Amino acid sequence: MPMDAGEIERLIKESFPDAKVEIQDLRGDGDHYAALVVSSAFEGKSRVQQHQMVYKALKGNMGGELHALALQTSTPD
């Protein structure tokens, strides 16, 4: 069963309460999403570390319920 955008956002905000999260369903199929996550938790982290933090927040759903996620992360300006 595909994961809905609201659930993705909820899981990310659960781990990063200050995050600004934008989720876009790329194909309208609930399987392919793009996400922009902006959080101060990413300060001093490499892009790879930031992405790993988001994947961890998704609690193992990547590759299962969540098939594809084009991820962009950054710190607040």
N, C-alpha and C. Protein backbone atom coordinates (compact mmCIF):
# COMPACT_ATOMS: atom_id res chain seq x y z
N MET A 1 0.84 -1.19 0.00
CA MET A 1 0.00 0.00 0.00
C MET A 1 0.89 1.25 0.00
N PRO A 2 0.63 2.17 -0.92
CA PRO A 2 1.45 3.38 -0.99
C PRO A 2 1.31 4.24 0.26
N MET A 3 2.31 5.05 0.48
CA MET A 3 2.34 5.97 1.62
C MET A 3 1.81 7.32 1.15
N ASP A 4 1.01 7.98 1.97
CA ASP A 4 0.49 9.28 1.53
C ASP A 4 1.39 10.41 2.01
N ALA A 5 1.31 11.54 1.32
CA ALA A 5 2.18 12.69 1.58
C ALA A 5 2.06 13.18 3.02
N GLY A 6 0.86 13.14 3.57
CA GLY A 6 0.65 13.58 4.95
C GLY A 6 1.42 12.72 5.95
N GLU A 7 1.50 11.44 5.69
CA GLU A 7 2.23 10.53 6.56
C GLU A 7 3.74 10.78 6.47
N ILE A 8 4.23 11.03 5.27
CA ILE A 8 5.65 11.35 5.10
C ILE A 8 5.98 12.62 5.88
N GLU A 9 5.17 13.64 5.72
CA GLU A 9 5.40 14.89 6.43
C GLU A 9 5.33 14.69 7.95
N ARG A 10 4.37 13.93 8.42
CA ARG A 10 4.22 13.67 9.86
C ARG A 10 5.47 13.00 10.43
N LEU A 11 5.97 11.98 9.75
CA LEU A 11 7.16 11.27 10.23
C LEU A 11 8.39 12.18 10.27
N ILE A 12 8.53 13.01 9.24
CA ILE A 12 9.68 13.92 9.21
C ILE A 12 9.57 14.95 10.33
N LYS A 13 8.40 15.52 10.51
CA LYS A 13 8.22 16.54 11.55
C LYS A 13 8.31 15.95 12.96
N GLU A 14 8.01 14.68 13.08
CA GLU A 14 8.16 14.00 14.37
C GLU A 14 9.63 13.99 14.79
N SER A 15 10.53 13.81 13.83
CA SER A 15 11.96 13.79 14.11
C SER A 15 12.59 15.19 14.08
N PHE A 16 12.00 16.09 13.29
CA PHE A 16 12.53 17.44 13.13
C PHE A 16 11.40 18.44 13.36
N PRO A 17 11.05 18.72 14.61
CA PRO A 17 9.89 19.58 14.90
C PRO A 17 9.96 20.97 14.28
N ASP A 18 11.17 21.49 14.05
CA ASP A 18 11.30 22.83 13.47
C ASP A 18 11.27 22.83 11.95
N ALA A 19 11.15 21.66 11.34
CA ALA A 19 11.30 21.54 9.88
C ALA A 19 10.18 22.20 9.10
N LYS A 20 10.61 22.79 8.00
CA LYS A 20 9.68 23.21 6.96
C LYS A 20 9.72 22.06 5.95
N VAL A 21 8.58 21.46 5.69
CA VAL A 21 8.53 20.27 4.82
C VAL A 21 7.55 20.53 3.68
N GLU A 22 8.01 20.31 2.46
CA GLU A 22 7.15 20.39 1.28
C GLU A 22 7.23 19.04 0.57
N ILE A 23 6.08 18.42 0.38
CA ILE A 23 6.01 17.12 -0.28
C ILE A 23 5.22 17.28 -1.57
N GLN A 24 5.73 16.68 -2.63
CA GLN A 24 5.05 16.72 -3.92
C GLN A 24 4.94 15.29 -4.46
N ASP A 25 3.73 14.88 -4.82
CA ASP A 25 3.51 13.57 -5.44
C ASP A 25 3.83 13.73 -6.93
N LEU A 26 4.93 13.16 -7.37
CA LEU A 26 5.42 13.40 -8.73
C LEU A 26 4.58 12.77 -9.83
N ARG A 27 3.95 11.63 -9.54
CA ARG A 27 3.19 10.93 -10.58
C ARG A 27 1.71 10.78 -10.25
N GLY A 28 1.33 11.19 -9.06
CA GLY A 28 -0.06 11.04 -8.66
C GLY A 28 -0.41 9.62 -8.27
N ASP A 29 0.64 8.79 -8.05
CA ASP A 29 0.40 7.38 -7.75
C ASP A 29 0.68 7.01 -6.29
N GLY A 30 1.11 8.00 -5.49
CA GLY A 30 1.42 7.71 -4.10
C GLY A 30 2.69 6.90 -3.90
N ASP A 31 3.48 6.75 -4.93
CA ASP A 31 4.71 5.95 -4.88
C ASP A 31 5.97 6.76 -5.15
N HIS A 32 5.83 7.88 -5.84
CA HIS A 32 6.98 8.67 -6.27
C HIS A 32 6.81 10.11 -5.79
N TYR A 33 7.63 10.48 -4.81
CA TYR A 33 7.52 11.80 -4.20
C TYR A 33 8.80 12.59 -4.33
N ALA A 34 8.67 13.90 -4.22
CA ALA A 34 9.80 14.80 -4.03
C ALA A 34 9.56 15.49 -2.69
N ALA A 35 10.61 15.69 -1.93
CA ALA A 35 10.48 16.35 -0.64
C ALA A 35 11.59 17.38 -0.47
N LEU A 36 11.20 18.53 0.06
CA LEU A 36 12.14 19.56 0.48
C LEU A 36 12.01 19.64 1.99
N VAL A 37 13.12 19.45 2.69
CA VAL A 37 13.12 19.50 4.15
C VAL A 37 14.17 20.52 4.59
N VAL A 38 13.73 21.54 5.31
CA VAL A 38 14.61 22.59 5.82
C VAL A 38 14.56 22.53 7.34
N SER A 39 15.71 22.29 7.96
CA SER A 39 15.75 22.17 9.41
C SER A 39 17.10 22.60 9.95
N SER A 40 17.08 23.21 11.14
CA SER A 40 18.33 23.59 11.80
C SER A 40 19.10 22.35 12.26
N ALA A 41 18.45 21.21 12.34
CA ALA A 41 19.11 19.96 12.73
C ALA A 41 20.19 19.55 11.73
N PHE A 42 20.14 20.10 10.53
CA PHE A 42 21.11 19.77 9.49
C PHE A 42 22.40 20.61 9.58
N GLU A 43 22.44 21.58 10.48
CA GLU A 43 23.62 22.44 10.63
C GLU A 43 24.88 21.59 10.83
N GLY A 44 25.91 21.86 10.05
CA GLY A 44 27.19 21.18 10.18
C GLY A 44 27.23 19.77 9.63
N LYS A 45 26.16 19.32 9.02
CA LYS A 45 26.10 17.97 8.45
C LYS A 45 26.31 18.02 6.94
N SER A 46 26.93 16.99 6.41
CA SER A 46 27.06 16.88 4.96
C SER A 46 25.70 16.56 4.35
N ARG A 47 25.59 16.73 3.05
CA ARG A 47 24.33 16.42 2.36
C ARG A 47 23.96 14.95 2.57
N VAL A 48 24.94 14.07 2.50
CA VAL A 48 24.69 12.64 2.71
C VAL A 48 24.15 12.39 4.12
N GLN A 49 24.78 13.01 5.12
CA GLN A 49 24.31 12.86 6.50
C GLN A 49 22.90 13.39 6.68
N GLN A 50 22.59 14.52 6.04
CA GLN A 50 21.24 15.09 6.10
C GLN A 50 20.22 14.12 5.53
N HIS A 51 20.53 13.55 4.39
CA HIS A 51 19.60 12.60 3.76
C HIS A 51 19.44 11.35 4.63
N GLN A 52 20.54 10.88 5.20
CA GLN A 52 20.45 9.71 6.09
C GLN A 52 19.55 10.00 7.28
N MET A 53 19.61 11.22 7.80
CA MET A 53 18.76 11.61 8.92
C MET A 53 17.28 11.55 8.53
N VAL A 54 16.97 12.01 7.33
CA VAL A 54 15.57 11.99 6.86
C VAL A 54 15.12 10.55 6.64
N TYR A 55 15.97 9.73 6.01
CA TYR A 55 15.60 8.33 5.80
C TYR A 55 15.34 7.63 7.13
N LYS A 56 16.16 7.93 8.13
CA LYS A 56 15.94 7.34 9.46
C LYS A 56 14.60 7.79 10.03
N ALA A 57 14.25 9.04 9.81
CA ALA A 57 12.96 9.57 10.29
C ALA A 57 11.78 8.84 9.65
N LEU A 58 11.99 8.31 8.45
CA LEU A 58 10.91 7.60 7.74
C LEU A 58 10.71 6.17 8.24
N LYS A 59 11.49 5.79 9.23
CA LYS A 59 11.31 4.54 9.97
C LYS A 59 11.21 3.29 9.10
N GLY A 60 12.14 3.16 8.16
CA GLY A 60 12.19 1.94 7.36
C GLY A 60 11.18 1.85 6.23
N ASN A 61 10.43 2.91 5.98
CA ASN A 61 9.43 2.87 4.91
C ASN A 61 10.02 3.08 3.52
N MET A 62 11.26 3.61 3.44
CA MET A 62 11.90 3.79 2.12
C MET A 62 12.12 2.41 1.49
N GLY A 63 11.73 2.30 0.23
CA GLY A 63 11.91 1.05 -0.47
C GLY A 63 10.78 0.06 -0.24
N GLY A 64 9.93 0.35 0.71
CA GLY A 64 8.76 -0.50 0.97
C GLY A 64 7.51 0.26 0.55
N GLU A 65 6.83 0.81 1.55
CA GLU A 65 5.63 1.60 1.26
C GLU A 65 5.95 2.84 0.44
N LEU A 66 7.14 3.38 0.65
CA LEU A 66 7.60 4.55 -0.07
C LEU A 66 8.63 4.11 -1.09
N HIS A 67 8.23 4.06 -2.35
CA HIS A 67 9.07 3.51 -3.41
C HIS A 67 10.21 4.44 -3.80
N ALA A 68 9.90 5.74 -4.03
CA ALA A 68 10.93 6.67 -4.50
C ALA A 68 10.71 8.04 -3.87
N LEU A 69 11.83 8.64 -3.43
CA LEU A 69 11.77 9.96 -2.82
C LEU A 69 12.96 10.78 -3.34
N ALA A 70 12.67 11.81 -4.13
CA ALA A 70 13.69 12.76 -4.57
C ALA A 70 13.81 13.78 -3.45
N LEU A 71 14.92 13.75 -2.75
CA LEU A 71 15.07 14.50 -1.51
C LEU A 71 16.02 15.67 -1.67
N GLN A 72 15.58 16.83 -1.16
CA GLN A 72 16.42 18.02 -1.05
C GLN A 72 16.38 18.44 0.41
N THR A 73 17.55 18.70 0.98
CA THR A 73 17.62 19.15 2.36
C THR A 73 18.47 20.40 2.45
N SER A 74 18.19 21.22 3.45
CA SER A 74 19.00 22.41 3.70
C SER A 74 18.74 22.93 5.10
N THR A 75 19.56 23.88 5.49
CA THR A 75 19.36 24.57 6.77
C THR A 75 18.62 25.87 6.49
N PRO A 76 17.97 26.44 7.50
CA PRO A 76 17.29 27.72 7.28
C PRO A 76 18.30 28.81 6.91
N ASP A 77 17.87 29.75 6.11
CA ASP A 77 18.75 30.86 5.71
C ASP A 77 19.02 31.80 6.86
